[in-house]
């Protein structure tokens, strides 16, 4: 847990530093619609987190005996998370979803 916390704090510090440098370089981010995009992404992440939380509590770790069962469970949870996230974005953020799929088609 300590290593995970330290890594999370490092990424949060990185986010803050990069945000400050970006604001300084661009003179602000007004007009880019970042607040609305962040809200839509937060809704999608919250729905995904809730679905994954519920799914992981429907079965116990003991139910996944052996590596193949564990890999299947992880793959299923990953698929569920991606489906819920993209589904919510399809409903509340069609423009964001088009931007994401366009970037994926271009290779990044």
Protein backbone atom coordinates (compact mmCIF):
# COMPACT_ATOMS: atom_id res chain seq x y z
CA UNK A 1 0.00 0.00 0.00
CA UNK A 2 2.84 2.42 0.75
CA UNK A 3 4.34 2.02 -2.70
CA UNK A 4 0.95 2.50 -4.37
CA UNK A 5 0.34 5.65 -2.31
CA UNK A 6 3.78 7.03 -3.15
CA UNK A 7 3.23 6.37 -6.85
CA UNK A 8 -0.19 8.06 -6.73
CA UNK A 9 1.29 11.11 -5.01
CA UNK A 10 4.06 11.25 -7.61
CA UNK A 11 1.52 11.23 -10.44
CA UNK A 12 -0.59 13.91 -8.74
CA UNK A 13 2.49 16.11 -8.34
CA UNK A 14 3.31 15.51 -12.00
CA UNK A 15 -0.24 16.52 -12.98
CA UNK A 16 -0.06 19.74 -10.97
CA UNK A 17 3.35 20.66 -12.34
CA UNK A 18 2.37 19.98 -15.96
CA UNK A 19 -0.86 21.94 -15.49
CA UNK A 20 1.02 24.95 -14.15
CA UNK A 21 3.57 24.79 -16.97
CA UNK A 22 0.81 24.48 -19.57
CA UNK A 23 -1.13 27.41 -18.12
CA UNK A 24 2.03 29.49 -18.07
CA UNK A 25 2.96 28.60 -21.66
CA UNK A 26 -0.54 29.14 -23.10
CA UNK A 27 -1.64 32.00 -20.89
CA UNK A 28 -4.68 30.07 -19.69
CA UNK A 29 -7.00 27.42 -21.04
CA UNK A 30 -10.17 29.43 -21.55
CA UNK A 31 -12.21 28.43 -24.55
CA UNK A 32 -10.94 24.86 -24.74
CA UNK A 33 -13.92 23.36 -22.88
CA UNK A 34 -11.74 21.43 -20.46
CA UNK A 35 -14.13 21.82 -17.54
CA UNK A 36 -17.01 20.17 -19.39
CA UNK A 37 -14.73 17.45 -20.74
CA UNK A 38 -13.38 16.75 -17.25
CA UNK A 39 -16.95 16.52 -15.90
CA UNK A 40 -17.98 14.02 -18.58
CA UNK A 41 -14.84 11.95 -18.02
CA UNK A 42 -15.47 12.01 -14.26
CA UNK A 43 -19.01 10.72 -14.79
CA UNK A 44 -17.71 7.92 -17.02
CA UNK A 45 -14.97 6.99 -14.54
CA UNK A 46 -17.42 7.01 -11.62
CA UNK A 47 -19.82 4.71 -13.50
CA UNK A 48 -16.96 2.40 -14.47
CA UNK A 49 -15.66 2.32 -10.91
CA UNK A 50 -19.11 1.52 -9.54
CA UNK A 51 -19.63 -1.28 -12.04
CA UNK A 52 -16.22 -2.78 -11.31
CA UNK A 53 -16.73 -2.47 -7.56
CA UNK A 54 -20.05 -4.29 -7.84
CA UNK A 55 -18.62 -6.94 -10.18
CA UNK A 56 -15.66 -7.72 -7.96
CA UNK A 57 -17.97 -8.21 -4.99
CA UNK A 58 -20.21 -10.65 -6.86
CA UNK A 59 -17.56 -13.34 -6.78
CA UNK A 60 -14.78 -14.11 -4.35
CA UNK A 61 -11.10 -14.51 -5.12
CA UNK A 62 -11.47 -18.14 -4.06
CA UNK A 63 -13.81 -18.67 -7.00
CA UNK A 64 -10.96 -17.95 -9.42
CA UNK A 65 -8.81 -21.00 -8.76
CA UNK A 66 -5.71 -21.26 -10.88
CA UNK A 67 -4.06 -18.93 -13.34
CA UNK A 68 -6.47 -19.48 -16.28
CA UNK A 69 -9.49 -18.63 -14.12
CA UNK A 70 -7.76 -15.59 -12.68
CA UNK A 71 -6.76 -14.36 -16.16
CA UNK A 72 -10.32 -14.86 -17.38
CA UNK A 73 -11.65 -12.87 -14.42
CA UNK A 74 -9.22 -10.01 -15.05
CA UNK A 75 -10.04 -9.99 -18.78
CA UNK A 76 -13.75 -9.96 -18.00
CA UNK A 77 -13.36 -7.06 -15.57
CA UNK A 78 -11.27 -5.12 -18.08
CA UNK A 79 -13.91 -5.66 -20.76
CA UNK A 80 -16.67 -4.61 -18.37
CA UNK A 81 -14.79 -1.46 -17.37
CA UNK A 82 -14.09 -0.45 -20.97
CA UNK A 83 -17.69 -1.13 -21.99
CA UNK A 84 -19.18 0.93 -19.17
CA UNK A 85 -16.72 3.81 -19.67
CA UNK A 86 -17.27 3.99 -23.43
CA UNK A 87 -21.03 3.51 -23.00
CA UNK A 88 -21.30 6.46 -20.63
CA UNK A 89 -19.15 8.58 -22.95
CA UNK A 90 -21.43 7.62 -25.83
CA UNK A 91 -24.39 8.99 -23.88
CA UNK A 92 -22.93 12.12 -22.25
CA UNK A 93 -19.93 12.96 -24.40
CA UNK A 94 -20.36 12.04 -28.03
CA UNK A 95 -17.74 14.58 -29.10
CA UNK A 96 -15.28 13.21 -26.57
CA UNK A 97 -15.91 9.68 -27.80
CA UNK A 98 -15.36 10.74 -31.43
CA UNK A 99 -12.12 12.44 -30.42
CA UNK A 100 -10.97 9.29 -28.60
CA UNK A 101 -11.85 6.91 -31.42
CA UNK A 102 -10.25 9.24 -33.98
CA UNK A 103 -7.02 9.33 -31.98
CA UNK A 104 -7.05 5.54 -31.71
CA UNK A 105 -7.53 5.17 -35.46
CA UNK A 106 -4.60 7.50 -36.14
CA UNK A 107 -2.45 5.51 -33.72
CA UNK A 108 -2.24 8.02 -30.87
